Amino acid sequence: MVPVRRTALVAGILYLVTFVASIPAVFLLDPVLNDAHYIVGSGSEGRVVLGCLLDIVNAVACVGTAVALFPIVRRQNEGIALGFVTSRMYEAAVIMIGVVSLLGVVTLRRDGADGADTDTMVSVGRALVAIRDWTFLLGPSLAPGFNALLLGYLMYRSGLVPRVIPLMGLVGGPLIIAATVARMFAGQDRLMVLAGIATVPIFLWELSLGLYLTFRGFRPSPITAGLAVPA
């Protein structure tokens, strides 16, 4: 396998890992996110811990996609490529803040808090969940817009993939950024329909990019000239 094809394969698989990890996590974390009295309840916390673990996997895969692609896309524009890596690292860092806040809820649920009444525990739990809600808005909701603009530009100009794929990112990036900023002012529970519509192009962009890189690899491009040397 030539190095360029291997790079595409690693990046594509990591993109698909972000889907495999993040989508089940939404359902696994539902009890702690939507039950205000979860922190004072009883039973196993394994479901929530597993959801947090999947979010960690998602964060690591986010950074991995940028690291894998950087040696290739930097040949198109190193500054923008570095911006893409930074944006992915920001997204992963914000995801980790949300994971820590939910694991804090799990710890308090397991051990309780000496001298704290139920109302206090519920208030603390809601505060930690609110932190996680904001990290989700500022991380996995906002950052993909910038990721799509940066990497979409690099992929479109370089021709490494069919241009219809980065076009979805270039269209969806501004949409999801605008929808996320609007939700910051209007409230996270509002404008959900707008947010859902804005998410569709980003979802298709990342999924199609992951599938294409995994099963087809990069298309011939001037920026890969001299790199396709047998390992």
Protein backbone atom coordinates (compact mmCIF):
# COMPACT_ATOMS: atom_id res chain seq x y z
CA MET A 1 0.00 0.00 0.00
CA VAL A 2 1.42 3.37 -0.99
CA PRO A 3 1.74 6.03 1.76
CA VAL A 4 -0.83 8.41 0.20
CA ARG A 5 -3.46 5.67 0.02
CA ARG A 6 -2.68 4.67 3.59
CA THR A 7 -3.14 8.26 4.71
CA ALA A 8 -6.53 8.45 3.01
CA LEU A 9 -7.59 5.14 4.55
CA VAL A 10 -6.62 6.20 8.08
CA ALA A 11 -8.37 9.56 7.74
CA GLY A 12 -11.49 7.97 6.26
CA ILE A 13 -11.75 5.35 8.99
CA LEU A 14 -11.30 7.98 11.70
CA TYR A 15 -14.10 10.05 10.16
CA LEU A 16 -16.36 7.01 10.26
CA VAL A 17 -15.32 6.34 13.86
CA THR A 18 -16.65 9.76 14.83
CA PHE A 19 -20.08 8.66 13.58
CA VAL A 20 -19.89 5.23 15.18
CA ALA A 21 -18.98 6.80 18.53
CA SER A 22 -21.05 9.98 18.64
CA ILE A 23 -24.46 8.70 17.49
CA PRO A 24 -24.87 5.92 20.12
CA ALA A 25 -23.53 8.29 22.80
CA VAL A 26 -26.56 10.55 22.31
CA PHE A 27 -28.91 7.74 23.35
CA LEU A 28 -26.69 6.38 26.12
CA LEU A 29 -26.46 9.80 27.79
CA ASP A 30 -30.18 10.47 27.62
CA PRO A 31 -30.92 9.62 31.31
CA VAL A 32 -28.43 12.08 32.77
CA LEU A 33 -29.26 14.81 30.25
CA ASN A 34 -33.05 14.72 30.49
CA ASP A 35 -33.79 13.56 34.04
CA ALA A 36 -33.19 16.34 36.56
CA HIS A 37 -33.39 13.82 39.45
CA TYR A 38 -30.89 11.40 37.92
CA ILE A 39 -28.22 12.52 40.38
CA VAL A 40 -30.33 11.41 43.37
CA GLY A 41 -31.58 8.20 41.74
CA SER A 42 -30.31 4.68 42.14
CA GLY A 43 -29.13 1.88 39.88
CA SER A 44 -26.22 1.33 37.55
CA GLU A 45 -24.40 4.23 35.94
CA GLY A 46 -22.73 1.99 33.36
CA ARG A 47 -24.86 3.30 30.51
CA VAL A 48 -23.81 6.89 31.15
CA VAL A 49 -20.15 5.96 31.65
CA LEU A 50 -20.20 4.08 28.34
CA GLY A 51 -21.70 7.14 26.65
CA CYS A 52 -18.91 9.28 28.10
CA LEU A 53 -16.33 6.77 26.89
CA LEU A 54 -17.75 6.98 23.37
CA ASP A 55 -17.53 10.78 23.53
CA ILE A 56 -13.85 10.41 24.44
CA VAL A 57 -13.36 8.13 21.44
CA ASN A 58 -15.10 10.73 19.30
CA ALA A 59 -12.80 13.48 20.59
CA VAL A 60 -9.67 11.43 19.89
CA ALA A 61 -10.91 10.53 16.41
CA CYS A 62 -11.64 14.22 15.70
CA VAL A 63 -8.01 15.12 16.32
CA GLY A 64 -6.86 12.02 14.45
CA THR A 65 -8.62 13.05 11.23
CA ALA A 66 -6.81 16.38 11.21
CA VAL A 67 -3.42 14.89 12.09
CA ALA A 68 -3.77 12.24 9.38
CA LEU A 69 -4.73 14.73 6.67
CA PHE A 70 -2.32 17.51 7.59
CA PRO A 71 0.77 16.16 5.74
CA ILE A 72 -1.27 16.07 2.52
CA VAL A 73 -3.44 19.19 2.68
CA ARG A 74 -0.60 21.38 3.93
CA ARG A 75 0.81 21.14 0.41
CA GLN A 76 -2.25 23.06 -0.79
CA ASN A 77 -2.15 25.77 1.90
CA GLU A 78 -0.20 25.22 5.10
CA GLY A 79 -1.84 28.05 7.04
CA ILE A 80 -5.38 26.83 6.38
CA ALA A 81 -4.32 23.24 7.03
CA LEU A 82 -2.92 24.28 10.41
CA GLY A 83 -6.16 26.13 11.10
CA PHE A 84 -8.07 22.93 10.44
CA VAL A 85 -5.90 21.01 12.91
CA THR A 86 -6.42 23.73 15.51
CA SER A 87 -10.18 23.75 14.96
CA ARG A 88 -10.35 19.99 15.42
CA MET A 89 -8.29 20.20 18.60
CA TYR A 90 -10.63 22.90 19.91
CA GLU A 91 -13.65 20.70 19.19
CA ALA A 92 -12.07 17.75 20.99
CA ALA A 93 -11.13 19.87 24.01
CA VAL A 94 -14.67 21.21 24.38
CA ILE A 95 -16.09 17.68 24.09
CA MET A 96 -13.79 16.57 26.93
CA ILE A 97 -15.06 19.38 29.16
CA GLY A 98 -18.58 18.06 28.66
CA VAL A 99 -17.45 14.51 29.44
CA VAL A 100 -15.84 15.62 32.71
CA SER A 101 -19.00 17.46 33.78
CA LEU A 102 -21.16 14.36 33.22
CA LEU A 103 -18.69 12.11 35.01
CA GLY A 104 -18.96 14.56 37.90
CA VAL A 105 -22.69 13.87 38.02
CA VAL A 106 -21.96 10.13 38.06
CA THR A 107 -19.52 10.53 40.96
CA LEU A 108 -21.99 12.54 43.04
CA ARG A 109 -24.70 10.00 42.29
CA ARG A 110 -22.51 7.13 43.45
CA ASP A 111 -21.11 8.71 46.58
CA GLY A 112 -23.64 11.38 47.43
CA ALA A 113 -22.56 14.55 49.21
CA ASP A 114 -22.31 14.70 53.00
CA GLY A 115 -24.88 17.02 54.47
CA ALA A 116 -26.43 17.92 51.11
CA ASP A 117 -30.20 17.67 50.74
CA THR A 118 -32.03 16.46 47.66
CA ASP A 119 -32.73 19.94 46.32
CA THR A 120 -29.06 20.90 46.56
CA MET A 121 -27.96 17.74 44.81
CA VAL A 122 -30.48 18.29 42.03
CA SER A 123 -29.30 21.88 41.59
CA VAL A 124 -25.67 20.79 41.35
CA GLY A 125 -26.58 18.07 38.86
CA ARG A 126 -28.51 20.52 36.70
CA ALA A 127 -25.56 22.93 36.74
CA LEU A 128 -23.17 20.21 35.55
CA VAL A 129 -25.59 19.13 32.83
CA ALA A 130 -25.97 22.79 31.76
CA ILE A 131 -22.19 22.96 31.33
CA ARG A 132 -22.34 19.88 29.14
CA ASP A 133 -25.18 21.37 27.08
CA TRP A 134 -23.10 24.46 26.38
CA THR A 135 -20.05 22.39 25.47
CA PHE A 136 -22.19 20.46 22.99
CA LEU A 137 -23.37 23.73 21.45
CA LEU A 138 -19.90 25.30 21.26
CA GLY A 139 -18.10 22.07 20.33
CA PRO A 140 -19.88 19.47 18.16
CA SER A 141 -22.43 22.04 16.94
CA LEU A 142 -20.25 25.08 16.19
CA ALA A 143 -16.79 23.69 15.42
CA PRO A 144 -17.88 21.46 12.49
CA GLY A 145 -18.89 24.61 10.65
CA PHE A 146 -15.36 25.98 10.77
CA ASN A 147 -13.93 22.52 10.07
CA ALA A 148 -16.07 22.27 6.95
CA LEU A 149 -15.01 25.69 5.67
CA LEU A 150 -11.30 25.06 6.22
CA LEU A 151 -11.05 21.46 5.02
CA GLY A 152 -13.73 21.97 2.38
CA TYR A 153 -11.68 24.77 0.83
CA LEU A 154 -8.54 22.61 0.83
CA MET A 155 -10.32 19.63 -0.68
CA TYR A 156 -12.11 21.72 -3.30
CA ARG A 157 -8.98 23.53 -4.48
CA SER A 158 -6.79 20.43 -4.46
CA GLY A 159 -9.29 18.11 -6.17
CA LEU A 160 -8.36 15.26 -3.82
CA VAL A 161 -12.01 14.18 -3.76
CA PRO A 162 -14.93 14.88 -6.15
CA ARG A 163 -15.79 18.53 -5.73
CA VAL A 164 -19.43 17.86 -4.93
CA ILE A 165 -18.25 16.49 -1.55
CA PRO A 166 -16.45 19.63 -0.30
CA LEU A 167 -19.24 21.77 -1.77
CA MET A 168 -21.59 20.26 0.82
CA GLY A 169 -19.18 21.36 3.53
CA LEU A 170 -18.74 24.84 2.08
CA VAL A 171 -22.51 25.28 1.98
CA GLY A 172 -23.22 23.64 5.32
CA GLY A 173 -20.44 25.39 7.25
CA PRO A 174 -21.96 28.90 7.24
CA LEU A 175 -25.44 27.45 7.83
CA ILE A 176 -24.53 25.57 10.99
CA ILE A 177 -22.44 28.46 12.31
CA ALA A 178 -25.36 30.85 11.82
CA ALA A 179 -27.84 28.40 13.38
CA THR A 180 -25.59 27.82 16.40
CA VAL A 181 -25.03 31.53 17.02
CA ALA A 182 -28.79 32.11 16.74
CA ARG A 183 -29.40 29.40 19.37
CA MET A 184 -26.86 31.05 21.68
CA PHE A 185 -29.04 34.17 21.76
CA ALA A 186 -32.48 32.59 21.43
CA GLY A 187 -31.91 29.67 23.81
CA GLN A 188 -30.63 26.19 23.18
CA ASP A 189 -34.11 24.64 23.19
CA ARG A 190 -35.35 27.00 20.51
CA LEU A 191 -34.73 27.00 16.76
CA MET A 192 -34.24 23.23 16.89
CA VAL A 193 -35.79 22.83 13.42
CA LEU A 194 -33.37 25.38 11.98
CA ALA A 195 -30.46 23.62 13.68
CA GLY A 196 -31.59 20.26 12.31
CA ILE A 197 -31.79 21.59 8.75
CA ALA A 198 -28.37 23.23 9.05
CA THR A 199 -26.85 19.97 10.32
CA VAL A 200 -27.86 17.92 7.26
CA PRO A 201 -25.21 19.26 4.82
CA ILE A 202 -22.47 18.86 7.47
CA PHE A 203 -23.60 15.31 8.22
CA LEU A 204 -23.53 14.42 4.52
CA TRP A 205 -20.18 16.17 4.00
CA GLU A 206 -18.37 14.32 6.76
CA LEU A 207 -20.01 10.97 6.03
CA SER A 208 -19.35 11.12 2.28
CA LEU A 209 -15.77 12.26 2.88
CA GLY A 210 -15.15 9.40 5.30
CA LEU A 211 -16.64 6.82 2.93
CA TYR A 212 -14.80 8.15 -0.11
CA LEU A 213 -11.43 8.27 1.61
CA THR A 214 -11.92 4.81 3.08
CA PHE A 215 -12.98 3.00 -0.08
CA ARG A 216 -11.51 5.10 -2.90
CA GLY A 217 -8.68 7.20 -1.46
CA PHE A 218 -7.44 10.48 -2.88
CA ARG A 219 -7.94 11.36 -6.52
CA PRO A 220 -4.82 12.21 -8.52
CA SER A 221 -3.80 15.76 -7.68
CA PRO A 222 -0.75 17.99 -8.22
CA ILE A 223 -0.26 18.27 -4.45
CA THR A 224 0.30 14.52 -4.13
CA ALA A 225 2.88 14.40 -6.92
CA GLY A 226 6.02 12.76 -5.61
CA LEU A 227 4.27 11.37 -2.53
CA ALA A 228 2.87 8.20 -4.08
CA VAL A 229 6.04 6.19 -3.48
CA PRO A 230 5.76 2.49 -2.52
CA ALA A 231 6.28 1.95 1.20
